[in-house]
Amino acid sequence: MSAKEYALDAKKSKGNNDHITDPLPTPMVVTAATDGRIETAWVYENCPITVSDRTFLVDLICVHLKSMDVILGMDWLSANSVYLGCKKKIVFIPPENMAEGEVISASLDNS
């Protein structure tokens, strides 16, 4: 995955034109296994994230995590027909031109 350094402290990003934050309507509390409960009030809207040579625009919620740069949620994975092969620890992101029904068979063929 590549993304500009979006895991910035919201205070540091103010005034930096590469990192424009918007306040969330209400603060969000995120529970992370590594860091416990984290509250945030900032979002980076429409950030380009490149995964497997495809660029997606993603709204990134700004949270401070020690061991991860970006977390893509289940809603995002589902909306983009991403296949997670937990047993073999694979992630399959289909090409843009692949029909939804082709995703599972292609993922299984590639594993």
PDB file of N, CA and C in Angstrom:
ATOM      1  N   MET A   1       0.834  -1.173   0.000  1.00  0.00           N
ATOM      2  CA  MET A   1       0.000   0.000   0.000  1.00  0.00           C
ATOM      3  C   MET A   1       0.875   1.230   0.000  1.00  0.00           C
ATOM      4  N   SER A   2       0.459   2.216  -0.719  1.00  0.00           N
ATOM      5  CA  SER A   2       1.185   3.473  -0.622  1.00  0.00           C
ATOM      6  C   SER A   2       0.186   4.584  -0.401  1.00  0.00           C
ATOM      7  N   ALA A   3       0.544   5.472   0.439  1.00  0.00           N
ATOM      8  CA  ALA A   3      -0.293   6.648   0.703  1.00  0.00           C
ATOM      9  C   ALA A   3       0.651   7.707   1.209  1.00  0.00           C
ATOM     10  N   LYS A   4       0.374   8.940   0.875  1.00  0.00           N
ATOM     11  CA  LYS A   4       1.177   9.996   1.473  1.00  0.00           C
ATOM     12  C   LYS A   4       1.036   9.855   2.972  1.00  0.00           C
ATOM     13  N   GLU A   5       1.877  10.479   3.684  1.00  0.00           N
ATOM     14  CA  GLU A   5       1.889  10.312   5.131  1.00  0.00           C
ATOM     15  C   GLU A   5       0.644  10.938   5.744  1.00  0.00           C
ATOM     16  N   TYR A   6      -0.439  10.167   5.769  1.00  0.00           N
ATOM     17  CA  TYR A   6      -1.690  10.674   6.304  1.00  0.00           C
ATOM     18  C   TYR A   6      -1.825  10.398   7.795  1.00  0.00           C
ATOM     19  N   ALA A   7      -0.918   9.614   8.344  1.00  0.00           N
ATOM     20  CA  ALA A   7      -0.989   9.334   9.768  1.00  0.00           C
ATOM     21  C   ALA A   7      -0.255  10.437  10.526  1.00  0.00           C
ATOM     22  N   LEU A   8      -0.719  11.648  10.329  1.00  0.00           N
ATOM     23  CA  LEU A   8      -0.108  12.811  10.973  1.00  0.00           C
ATOM     24  C   LEU A   8      -0.939  13.274  12.151  1.00  0.00           C
ATOM     25  N   ASP A   9      -0.294  13.928  13.048  1.00  0.00           N
ATOM     26  CA  ASP A   9      -1.005  14.591  14.125  1.00  0.00           C
ATOM     27  C   ASP A   9      -1.824  15.720  13.499  1.00  0.00           C
ATOM     28  N   ALA A  10      -3.096  15.793  13.806  1.00  0.00           N
ATOM     29  CA  ALA A  10      -3.979  16.802  13.204  1.00  0.00           C
ATOM     30  C   ALA A  10      -3.440  18.213  13.420  1.00  0.00           C
ATOM     31  N   LYS A  11      -2.818  18.472  14.561  1.00  0.00           N
ATOM     32  CA  LYS A  11      -2.281  19.810  14.827  1.00  0.00           C
ATOM     33  C   LYS A  11      -1.134  20.129  13.872  1.00  0.00           C
ATOM     34  N   LYS A  12      -0.292  19.141  13.581  1.00  0.00           N
ATOM     35  CA  LYS A  12       0.838  19.356  12.681  1.00  0.00           C
ATOM     36  C   LYS A  12       0.368  19.570  11.250  1.00  0.00           C
ATOM     37  N   SER A  13      -0.745  18.963  10.874  1.00  0.00           N
ATOM     38  CA  SER A  13      -1.182  19.031   9.482  1.00  0.00           C
ATOM     39  C   SER A  13      -1.832  20.364   9.131  1.00  0.00           C
ATOM     40  N   LYS A  14      -2.284  21.119  10.114  1.00  0.00           N
ATOM     41  CA  LYS A  14      -2.893  22.421   9.814  1.00  0.00           C
ATOM     42  C   LYS A  14      -1.851  23.317   9.157  1.00  0.00           C
ATOM     43  N   GLY A  15      -2.241  23.937   8.049  1.00  0.00           N
ATOM     44  CA  GLY A  15      -1.320  24.794   7.326  1.00  0.00           C
ATOM     45  C   GLY A  15      -0.505  24.056   6.284  1.00  0.00           C
ATOM     46  N   ASN A  16      -0.569  22.735   6.255  1.00  0.00           N
ATOM     47  CA  ASN A  16       0.129  21.942   5.252  1.00  0.00           C
ATOM     48  C   ASN A  16      -0.877  21.617   4.162  1.00  0.00           C
ATOM     49  N   ASN A  17      -0.714  22.180   2.972  1.00  0.00           N
ATOM     50  CA  ASN A  17      -1.696  22.018   1.903  1.00  0.00           C
ATOM     51  C   ASN A  17      -1.823  20.592   1.396  1.00  0.00           C
ATOM     52  N   ASP A  18      -0.827  19.740   1.673  1.00  0.00           N
ATOM     53  CA  ASP A  18      -0.918  18.346   1.248  1.00  0.00           C
ATOM     54  C   ASP A  18      -1.851  17.541   2.144  1.00  0.00           C
ATOM     55  N   HIS A  19      -2.152  18.036   3.313  1.00  0.00           N
ATOM     56  CA  HIS A  19      -2.938  17.297   4.299  1.00  0.00           C
ATOM     57  C   HIS A  19      -4.039  18.197   4.838  1.00  0.00           C
ATOM     58  N   ILE A  20      -5.165  18.185   4.192  1.00  0.00           N
ATOM     59  CA  ILE A  20      -6.268  19.047   4.608  1.00  0.00           C
ATOM     60  C   ILE A  20      -7.234  18.217   5.440  1.00  0.00           C
ATOM     61  N   THR A  21      -7.444  18.626   6.678  1.00  0.00           N
ATOM     62  CA  THR A  21      -8.353  17.894   7.549  1.00  0.00           C
ATOM     63  C   THR A  21      -9.661  18.640   7.671  1.00  0.00           C
ATOM     64  N   ASP A  22     -10.703  17.868   7.867  1.00  0.00           N
ATOM     65  CA  ASP A  22     -12.015  18.426   8.145  1.00  0.00           C
ATOM     66  C   ASP A  22     -12.483  17.840   9.467  1.00  0.00           C
ATOM     67  N   PRO A  23     -13.173  18.632  10.275  1.00  0.00           N
ATOM     68  CA  PRO A  23     -13.688  18.073  11.525  1.00  0.00           C
ATOM     69  C   PRO A  23     -14.859  17.132  11.255  1.00  0.00           C
ATOM     70  N   LEU A  24     -14.940  16.073  12.034  1.00  0.00           N
ATOM     71  CA  LEU A  24     -16.096  15.180  11.973  1.00  0.00           C
ATOM     72  C   LEU A  24     -17.272  15.886  12.642  1.00  0.00           C
ATOM     73  N   PRO A  25     -18.513  15.591  12.219  1.00  0.00           N
ATOM     74  CA  PRO A  25     -19.676  16.224  12.855  1.00  0.00           C
ATOM     75  C   PRO A  25     -19.725  15.955  14.360  1.00  0.00           C
ATOM     76  N   THR A  26     -19.373  14.738  14.749  1.00  0.00           N
ATOM     77  CA  THR A  26     -19.248  14.387  16.169  1.00  0.00           C
ATOM     78  C   THR A  26     -17.986  13.545  16.317  1.00  0.00           C
ATOM     79  N   PRO A  27     -17.264  13.672  17.423  1.00  0.00           N
ATOM     80  CA  PRO A  27     -16.055  12.866  17.600  1.00  0.00           C
ATOM     81  C   PRO A  27     -16.367  11.371  17.521  1.00  0.00           C
ATOM     82  N   MET A  28     -15.413  10.617  17.025  1.00  0.00           N
ATOM     83  CA  MET A  28     -15.569   9.173  16.872  1.00  0.00           C
ATOM     84  C   MET A  28     -14.626   8.477  17.843  1.00  0.00           C
ATOM     85  N   VAL A  29     -15.112   7.407  18.467  1.00  0.00           N
ATOM     86  CA  VAL A  29     -14.275   6.599  19.345  1.00  0.00           C
ATOM     87  C   VAL A  29     -13.995   5.292  18.621  1.00  0.00           C
ATOM     88  N   VAL A  30     -12.713   4.971  18.476  1.00  0.00           N
ATOM     89  CA  VAL A  30     -12.279   3.754  17.807  1.00  0.00           C
ATOM     90  C   VAL A  30     -11.634   2.868  18.857  1.00  0.00           C
ATOM     91  N   THR A  31     -11.969   1.584  18.839  1.00  0.00           N
ATOM     92  CA  THR A  31     -11.332   0.639  19.740  1.00  0.00           C
ATOM     93  C   THR A  31     -10.362  -0.205  18.929  1.00  0.00           C
ATOM     94  N   ALA A  32      -9.094  -0.144  19.276  1.00  0.00           N
ATOM     95  CA  ALA A  32      -8.062  -0.900  18.576  1.00  0.00           C
ATOM     96  C   ALA A  32      -7.422  -1.874  19.552  1.00  0.00           C
ATOM     97  N   ALA A  33      -7.188  -3.086  19.083  1.00  0.00           N
ATOM     98  CA  ALA A  33      -6.617  -4.116  19.949  1.00  0.00           C
ATOM     99  C   ALA A  33      -5.258  -3.695  20.503  1.00  0.00           C
ATOM    100  N   THR A  34      -4.495  -2.970  19.710  1.00  0.00           N
ATOM    101  CA  THR A  34      -3.153  -2.597  20.149  1.00  0.00           C
ATOM    102  C   THR A  34      -3.114  -1.360  21.026  1.00  0.00           C
ATOM    103  N   ASP A  35      -4.076  -0.457  20.853  1.00  0.00           N
ATOM    104  CA  ASP A  35      -4.004   0.826  21.547  1.00  0.00           C
ATOM    105  C   ASP A  35      -5.211   1.157  22.422  1.00  0.00           C
ATOM    106  N   GLY A  36      -6.154   0.254  22.561  1.00  0.00           N
ATOM    107  CA  GLY A  36      -7.335   0.539  23.364  1.00  0.00           C
ATOM    108  C   GLY A  36      -8.269   1.529  22.686  1.00  0.00           C
ATOM    109  N   ARG A  37      -8.976   2.329  23.476  1.00  0.00           N
ATOM    110  CA  ARG A  37      -9.942   3.302  22.938  1.00  0.00           C
ATOM    111  C   ARG A  37      -9.239   4.598  22.549  1.00  0.00           C
ATOM    112  N   ILE A  38      -9.546   5.049  21.329  1.00  0.00           N
ATOM    113  CA  ILE A  38      -8.947   6.276  20.804  1.00  0.00           C
ATOM    114  C   ILE A  38     -10.074   7.168  20.314  1.00  0.00           C
ATOM    115  N   GLU A  39     -10.067   8.424  20.728  1.00  0.00           N
ATOM    116  CA  GLU A  39     -11.087   9.369  20.248  1.00  0.00           C
ATOM    117  C   GLU A  39     -10.459  10.303  19.227  1.00  0.00           C
ATOM    118  N   THR A  40     -11.200  10.581  18.165  1.00  0.00           N
ATOM    119  CA  THR A  40     -10.716  11.490  17.130  1.00  0.00           C
ATOM    120  C   THR A  40     -11.844  12.384  16.644  1.00  0.00           C
ATOM    121  N   ALA A  41     -11.479  13.520  16.126  1.00  0.00           N
ATOM    122  CA  ALA A  41     -12.482  14.452  15.601  1.00  0.00           C
ATOM    123  C   ALA A  41     -12.115  14.915  14.193  1.00  0.00           C
ATOM    124  N   TRP A  42     -11.140  14.235  13.549  1.00  0.00           N
ATOM    125  CA  TRP A  42     -10.647  14.697  12.255  1.00  0.00           C
ATOM    126  C   TRP A  42     -10.726  13.617  11.191  1.00  0.00           C
ATOM    127  N   VAL A  43     -10.945  14.053   9.954  1.00  0.00           N
ATOM    128  CA  VAL A  43     -10.986  13.143   8.802  1.00  0.00           C
ATOM    129  C   VAL A  43     -10.224  13.790   7.647  1.00  0.00           C
ATOM    130  N   TYR A  44      -9.499  12.979   6.899  1.00  0.00           N
ATOM    131  CA  TYR A  44      -8.879  13.397   5.643  1.00  0.00           C
ATOM    132  C   TYR A  44      -9.789  12.870   4.545  1.00  0.00           C
ATOM    133  N   GLU A  45     -10.495  13.752   3.858  1.00  0.00           N
ATOM    134  CA  GLU A  45     -11.471  13.314   2.854  1.00  0.00           C
ATOM    135  C   GLU A  45     -10.819  13.120   1.493  1.00  0.00           C
ATOM    136  N   ASN A  46     -11.298  12.076   0.798  1.00  0.00           N
ATOM    137  CA  ASN A  46     -10.868  11.781  -0.576  1.00  0.00           C
ATOM    138  C   ASN A  46      -9.356  11.658  -0.733  1.00  0.00           C
ATOM    139  N   CYS A  47      -8.729  10.903   0.152  1.00  0.00           N
ATOM    140  CA  CYS A  47      -7.291  10.665   0.057  1.00  0.00           C
ATOM    141  C   CYS A  47      -7.028   9.561  -0.958  1.00  0.00           C
ATOM    142  N   PRO A  48      -6.084   9.765  -1.869  1.00  0.00           N
ATOM    143  CA  PRO A  48      -5.758   8.694  -2.811  1.00  0.00           C
ATOM    144  C   PRO A  48      -4.898   7.630  -2.127  1.00  0.00           C
ATOM    145  N   ILE A  49      -5.356   6.393  -2.180  1.00  0.00           N
ATOM    146  CA  ILE A  49      -4.631   5.247  -1.643  1.00  0.00           C
ATOM    147  C   ILE A  49      -4.421   4.286  -2.807  1.00  0.00           C
ATOM    148  N   THR A  50      -3.185   3.849  -3.026  1.00  0.00           N
ATOM    149  CA  THR A  50      -2.898   2.920  -4.110  1.00  0.00           C
ATOM    150  C   THR A  50      -2.660   1.537  -3.532  1.00  0.00           C
ATOM    151  N   VAL A  51      -3.454   0.574  -3.994  1.00  0.00           N
ATOM    152  CA  VAL A  51      -3.361  -0.815  -3.572  1.00  0.00           C
ATOM    153  C   VAL A  51      -3.384  -1.663  -4.833  1.00  0.00           C
ATOM    154  N   SER A  52      -2.396  -2.521  -5.006  1.00  0.00           N
ATOM    155  CA  SER A  52      -2.331  -3.404  -6.180  1.00  0.00           C
ATOM    156  C   SER A  52      -2.511  -2.631  -7.480  1.00  0.00           C
ATOM    157  N   ASP A  53      -1.794  -1.557  -7.631  1.00  0.00           N
ATOM    158  CA  ASP A  53      -1.819  -0.725  -8.845  1.00  0.00           C
ATOM    159  C   ASP A  53      -3.158  -0.070  -9.137  1.00  0.00           C
ATOM    160  N   ARG A  54      -4.059  -0.051  -8.181  1.00  0.00           N
ATOM    161  CA  ARG A  54      -5.324   0.677  -8.335  1.00  0.00           C
ATOM    162  C   ARG A  54      -5.355   1.783  -7.305  1.00  0.00           C
ATOM    163  N   THR A  55      -5.838   2.943  -7.723  1.00  0.00           N
ATOM    164  CA  THR A  55      -5.940   4.071  -6.804  1.00  0.00           C
ATOM    165  C   THR A  55      -7.393   4.266  -6.416  1.00  0.00           C
ATOM    166  N   PHE A  56      -7.622   4.350  -5.112  1.00  0.00           N
ATOM    167  CA  PHE A  56      -8.956   4.531  -4.556  1.00  0.00           C
ATOM    168  C   PHE A  56      -8.967   5.844  -3.787  1.00  0.00           C
ATOM    169  N   LEU A  57     -10.103   6.522  -3.777  1.00  0.00           N
ATOM    170  CA  LEU A  57     -10.271   7.692  -2.925  1.00  0.00           C
ATOM    171  C   LEU A  57     -10.961   7.230  -1.655  1.00  0.00           C
ATOM    172  N   VAL A  58     -10.337   7.486  -0.528  1.00  0.00           N
ATOM    173  CA  VAL A  58     -10.802   6.970   0.752  1.00  0.00           C
ATOM    174  C   VAL A  58     -10.874   8.123   1.747  1.00  0.00           C
ATOM    175  N   ASP A  59     -11.899   8.125   2.588  1.00  0.00           N
ATOM    176  CA  ASP A  59     -11.960   9.066   3.710  1.00  0.00           C
ATOM    177  C   ASP A  59     -11.234   8.415   4.882  1.00  0.00           C
ATOM    178  N   LEU A  60     -10.115   8.981   5.276  1.00  0.00           N
ATOM    179  CA  LEU A  60      -9.321   8.420   6.364  1.00  0.00           C
ATOM    180  C   LEU A  60      -9.624   9.150   7.660  1.00  0.00           C
ATOM    181  N   ILE A  61      -9.980   8.385   8.670  1.00  0.00           N
ATOM    182  CA  ILE A  61     -10.208   8.926  10.002  1.00  0.00           C
ATOM    183  C   ILE A  61      -8.841   9.001  10.682  1.00  0.00           C
ATOM    184  N   CYS A  62      -8.506  10.143  11.216  1.00  0.00           N
ATOM    185  CA  CYS A  62      -7.189  10.369  11.811  1.00  0.00           C
ATOM    186  C   CYS A  62      -7.150   9.809  13.233  1.00  0.00           C
ATOM    187  N   VAL A  63      -6.410   8.723  13.409  1.00  0.00           N
ATOM    188  CA  VAL A  63      -6.190   8.149  14.742  1.00  0.00           C
ATOM    189  C   VAL A  63      -4.704   7.828  14.880  1.00  0.00           C
ATOM    190  N   HIS A  64      -4.229   7.840  16.084  1.00  0.00           N
ATOM    191  CA  HIS A  64      -2.827   7.530  16.357  1.00  0.00           C
ATOM    192  C   HIS A  64      -2.721   6.049  16.695  1.00  0.00           C
ATOM    193  N   LEU A  65      -2.092   5.286  15.817  1.00  0.00           N
ATOM    194  CA  LEU A  65      -1.873   3.862  16.048  1.00  0.00           C
ATOM    195  C   LEU A  65      -0.372   3.598  16.030  1.00  0.00           C
ATOM    196  N   LYS A  66       0.064   2.701  16.889  1.00  0.00           N
ATOM    197  CA  LYS A  66       1.493   2.427  16.984  1.00  0.00           C
ATOM    198  C   LYS A  66       1.988   1.484  15.898  1.00  0.00           C
ATOM    199  N   SER A  67       1.159   0.540  15.477  1.00  0.00           N
ATOM    200  CA  SER A  67       1.677  -0.518  14.617  1.00  0.00           C
ATOM    201  C   SER A  67       1.057  -0.584  13.224  1.00  0.00           C
ATOM    202  N   MET A  68       0.225   0.381  12.846  1.00  0.00           N
ATOM    203  CA  MET A  68      -0.402   0.356  11.527  1.00  0.00           C
ATOM    204  C   MET A  68      -0.434   1.752  10.938  1.00  0.00           C
ATOM    205  N   ASP A  69      -0.351   1.814   9.598  1.00  0.00           N
ATOM    206  CA  ASP A  69      -0.433   3.102   8.919  1.00  0.00           C
ATOM    207  C   ASP A  69      -1.855   3.402   8.482  1.00  0.00           C
ATOM    208  N   VAL A  70      -2.510   2.414   7.865  1.00  0.00           N
ATOM    209  CA  VAL A  70      -3.863   2.601   7.339  1.00  0.00           C
ATOM    210  C   VAL A  70      -4.666   1.342   7.617  1.00  0.00           C
ATOM    211  N   ILE A  71      -5.899   1.516   8.046  1.00  0.00           N
ATOM    212  CA  ILE A  71      -6.821   0.390   8.216  1.00  0.00           C
ATOM    213  C   ILE A  71      -7.975   0.611   7.258  1.00  0.00           C
ATOM    214  N   LEU A  72      -8.208  -0.355   6.372  1.00  0.00           N
ATOM    215  CA  LEU A  72      -9.353  -0.292   5.465  1.00  0.00           C
ATOM    216  C   LEU A  72     -10.454  -1.140   6.082  1.00  0.00           C
ATOM    217  N   GLY A  73     -11.582  -0.539   6.345  1.00  0.00           N
ATOM    218  CA  GLY A  73     -12.669  -1.211   7.047  1.00  0.00           C
ATOM    219  C   GLY A  73     -13.433  -2.210   6.197  1.00  0.00           C
ATOM    220  N   MET A  74     -14.247  -3.010   6.862  1.00  0.00           N
ATOM    221  CA  MET A  74     -15.031  -4.040   6.176  1.00  0.00           C
ATOM    222  C   MET A  74     -15.990  -3.439   5.158  1.00  0.00           C
ATOM    223  N   ASP A  75     -16.565  -2.275   5.441  1.00  0.00           N
ATOM    224  CA  ASP A  75     -17.466  -1.646   4.468  1.00  0.00           C
ATOM    225  C   ASP A  75     -16.717  -1.305   3.185  1.00  0.00           C
ATOM    226  N   TRP A  76     -15.507  -0.789   3.310  1.00  0.00           N
ATOM    227  CA  TRP A  76     -14.706  -0.449   2.134  1.00  0.00           C
ATOM    228  C   TRP A  76     -14.322  -1.715   1.373  1.00  0.00           C
ATOM    229  N   LEU A  77     -13.869  -2.734   2.101  1.00  0.00           N
ATOM    230  CA  LEU A  77     -13.480  -3.993   1.458  1.00  0.00           C
ATOM    231  C   LEU A  77     -14.652  -4.596   0.700  1.00  0.00           C
ATOM    232  N   SER A  78     -15.818  -4.589   1.296  1.00  0.00           N
ATOM    233  CA  SER A  78     -17.021  -5.133   0.660  1.00  0.00           C
ATOM    234  C   SER A  78     -17.418  -4.320  -0.567  1.00  0.00           C
ATOM    235  N   ALA A  79     -17.419  -3.010  -0.451  1.00  0.00           N
ATOM    236  CA  ALA A  79     -17.814  -2.145  -1.566  1.00  0.00           C
ATOM    237  C   ALA A  79     -16.887  -2.302  -2.767  1.00  0.00           C
ATOM    238  N   ASN A  80     -15.649  -2.720  -2.526  1.00  0.00           N
ATOM    239  CA  ASN A  80     -14.678  -2.885  -3.605  1.00  0.00           C
ATOM    240  C   ASN A  80     -14.431  -4.350  -3.956  1.00  0.00           C
ATOM    241  N   SER A  81     -15.324  -5.237  -3.492  1.00  0.00           N
ATOM    242  CA  SER A  81     -15.282  -6.677  -3.807  1.00  0.00           C
ATOM    243  C   SER A  81     -13.938  -7.321  -3.483  1.00  0.00           C
ATOM    244  N   VAL A  82     -13.331  -6.915  -2.380  1.00  0.00           N
ATOM    245  CA  VAL A  82     -12.046  -7.475  -1.979  1.00  0.00           C
ATOM    246  C   VAL A  82     -12.280  -8.833  -1.330  1.00  0.00           C
ATOM    247  N   TYR A  83     -11.455  -9.806  -1.698  1.00  0.00           N
ATOM    248  CA  TYR A  83     -11.547 -11.149  -1.136  1.00  0.00           C
ATOM    249  C   TYR A  83     -10.430 -11.326  -0.114  1.00  0.00           C
ATOM    250  N   LEU A  84     -10.782 -11.741   1.100  1.00  0.00           N
ATOM    251  CA  LEU A  84      -9.803 -12.039   2.139  1.00  0.00           C
ATOM    252  C   LEU A  84      -9.726 -13.542   2.305  1.00  0.00           C
ATOM    253  N   GLY A  85      -8.585 -14.111   2.047  1.00  0.00           N
ATOM    254  CA  GLY A  85      -8.369 -15.541   2.254  1.00  0.00           C
ATOM    255  C   GLY A  85      -7.605 -15.718   3.549  1.00  0.00           C
ATOM    256  N   CYS A  86      -8.329 -15.830   4.649  1.00  0.00           N
ATOM    257  CA  CYS A  86      -7.698 -15.845   5.973  1.00  0.00           C
ATOM    258  C   CYS A  86      -6.777 -17.048   6.171  1.00  0.00           C
ATOM    259  N   LYS A  87      -7.209 -18.226   5.723  1.00  0.00           N
ATOM    260  CA  LYS A  87      -6.408 -19.429   5.940  1.00  0.00           C
ATOM    261  C   LYS A  87      -5.041 -19.305   5.277  1.00  0.00           C
ATOM    262  N   LYS A  88      -5.021 -18.788   4.043  1.00  0.00           N
ATOM    263  CA  LYS A  88      -3.755 -18.651   3.313  1.00  0.00           C
ATOM    264  C   LYS A  88      -3.142 -17.259   3.451  1.00  0.00           C
ATOM    265  N   LYS A  89      -3.813 -16.397   4.211  1.00  0.00           N
ATOM    266  CA  LYS A  89      -3.351 -15.025   4.454  1.00  0.00           C
ATOM    267  C   LYS A  89      -3.126 -14.266   3.146  1.00  0.00           C
ATOM    268  N   ILE A  90      -4.168 -14.259   2.298  1.00  0.00           N
ATOM    269  CA  ILE A  90      -4.085 -13.524   1.043  1.00  0.00           C
ATOM    270  C   ILE A  90      -5.191 -12.479   0.968  1.00  0.00           C
ATOM    271  N   VAL A  91      -4.911 -11.430   0.228  1.00  0.00           N
ATOM    272  CA  VAL A  91      -5.891 -10.384  -0.057  1.00  0.00           C
ATOM    273  C   VAL A  91      -5.927 -10.249  -1.569  1.00  0.00           C
ATOM    274  N   PHE A  92      -7.122 -10.366  -2.146  1.00  0.00           N
ATOM    275  CA  PHE A  92      -7.271 -10.240  -3.596  1.00  0.00           C
ATOM    276  C   PHE A  92      -8.129  -9.022  -3.885  1.00  0.00           C
ATOM    277  N   ILE A  93      -7.546  -8.049  -4.581  1.00  0.00           N
ATOM    278  CA  ILE A  93      -8.279  -6.857  -5.006  1.00  0.00           C
ATOM    279  C   ILE A  93      -8.462  -6.982  -6.504  1.00  0.00           C
ATOM    280  N   PRO A  94      -9.703  -7.126  -6.953  1.00  0.00           N
ATOM    281  CA  PRO A  94      -9.939  -7.379  -8.378  1.00  0.00           C
ATOM    282  C   PRO A  94      -9.614  -6.171  -9.249  1.00  0.00           C
ATOM    283  N   PRO A  95      -9.220  -6.434 -10.505  1.00  0.00           N
ATOM    284  CA  PRO A  95      -9.033  -5.327 -11.443  1.00  0.00           C
ATOM    285  C   PRO A  95     -10.356  -4.604 -11.664  1.00  0.00           C
ATOM    286  N   GLU A  96     -10.289  -3.367 -12.112  1.00  0.00           N
ATOM    287  CA  GLU A  96     -11.498  -2.557 -12.291  1.00  0.00           C
ATOM    288  C   GLU A  96     -12.504  -3.186 -13.245  1.00  0.00           C
ATOM    289  N   ASN A  97     -12.030  -3.893 -14.257  1.00  0.00           N
ATOM    290  CA  ASN A  97     -12.937  -4.435 -15.269  1.00  0.00           C
ATOM    291  C   ASN A  97     -13.519  -5.796 -14.910  1.00  0.00           C
ATOM    292  N   MET A  98     -13.228  -6.326 -13.736  1.00  0.00           N
ATOM    293  CA  MET A  98     -13.722  -7.644 -13.349  1.00  0.00           C
ATOM    294  C   MET A  98     -15.129  -7.537 -12.771  1.00  0.00           C
ATOM    295  N   ALA A  99     -16.026  -8.399 -13.257  1.00  0.00           N
ATOM    296  CA  ALA A  99     -17.397  -8.426 -12.743  1.00  0.00           C
ATOM    297  C   ALA A  99     -17.402  -9.008 -11.336  1.00  0.00           C
ATOM    298  N   GLU A 100     -18.383  -8.607 -10.547  1.00  0.00           N
ATOM    299  CA  GLU A 100     -18.446  -9.021  -9.144  1.00  0.00           C
ATOM    300  C   GLU A 100     -18.429 -10.539  -8.989  1.00  0.00           C
ATOM    301  N   GLY A 101     -19.146 -11.259  -9.836  1.00  0.00           N
ATOM    302  CA  GLY A 101     -19.211 -12.719  -9.732  1.00  0.00           C
ATOM    303  C   GLY A 101     -17.897 -13.411 -10.033  1.00  0.00           C
ATOM    304  N   GLU A 102     -16.996 -12.742 -10.733  1.00  0.00           N
ATOM    305  CA  GLU A 102     -15.708 -13.332 -11.090  1.00  0.00           C
ATOM    306  C   GLU A 102     -14.689 -13.251  -9.958  1.00  0.00           C
ATOM    307  N   VAL A 103     -14.937 -12.419  -8.982  1.00  0.00           N
ATOM    308  CA  VAL A 103     -13.942 -12.141  -7.948  1.00  0.00           C
ATOM    309  C   VAL A 103     -13.562 -13.383  -7.163  1.00  0.00           C
ATOM    310  N   ILE A 104     -14.532 -14.116  -6.644  1.00  0.00           N
ATOM    311  CA  ILE A 104     -14.234 -15.280  -5.805  1.00  0.00           C
ATOM    312  C   ILE A 104     -13.491 -16.346  -6.598  1.00  0.00           C
ATOM    313  N   SER A 105     -13.965 -16.688  -7.803  1.00  0.00           N
ATOM    314  CA  SER A 105     -13.295 -17.738  -8.569  1.00  0.00           C
ATOM    315  C   SER A 105     -11.870 -17.324  -8.934  1.00  0.00           C
ATOM    316  N   ALA A 106     -11.658 -16.063  -9.277  1.00  0.00           N
ATOM    317  CA  ALA A 106     -10.309 -15.594  -9.598  1.00  0.00           C
ATOM    318  C   ALA A 106      -9.418 -15.650  -8.366  1.00  0.00           C
ATOM    319  N   SER A 107      -9.957 -15.297  -7.195  1.00  0.00           N
ATOM    320  CA  SER A 107      -9.163 -15.329  -5.973  1.00  0.00           C
ATOM    321  C   SER A 107      -8.759 -16.743  -5.629  1.00  0.00           C
ATOM    322  N   LEU A 108      -9.683 -17.669  -5.770  1.00  0.00           N
ATOM    323  CA  LEU A 108      -9.382 -19.058  -5.444  1.00  0.00           C
ATOM    324  C   LEU A 108      -8.381 -19.632  -6.439  1.00  0.00           C
ATOM    325  N   ASP A 109      -8.485 -19.266  -7.704  1.00  0.00           N
ATOM    326  CA  ASP A 109      -7.543 -19.741  -8.717  1.00  0.00           C
ATOM    327  C   ASP A 109      -6.136 -19.227  -8.452  1.00  0.00           C
ATOM    328  N   ASN A 110      -6.023 -18.025  -7.910  1.00  0.00           N
ATOM    329  CA  ASN A 110      -4.714 -17.412  -7.664  1.00  0.00           C
ATOM    330  C   ASN A 110      -4.087 -17.833  -6.344  1.00  0.00           C
ATOM    331  N   SER A 111      -4.819 -18.542  -5.502  1.00  0.00           N
ATOM    332  CA  SER A 111      -4.274 -18.857  -4.169  1.00  0.00           C
ATOM    333  C   SER A 111      -3.454 -20.112  -4.145  1.00  0.00           C
TER     334      SER A 111
END
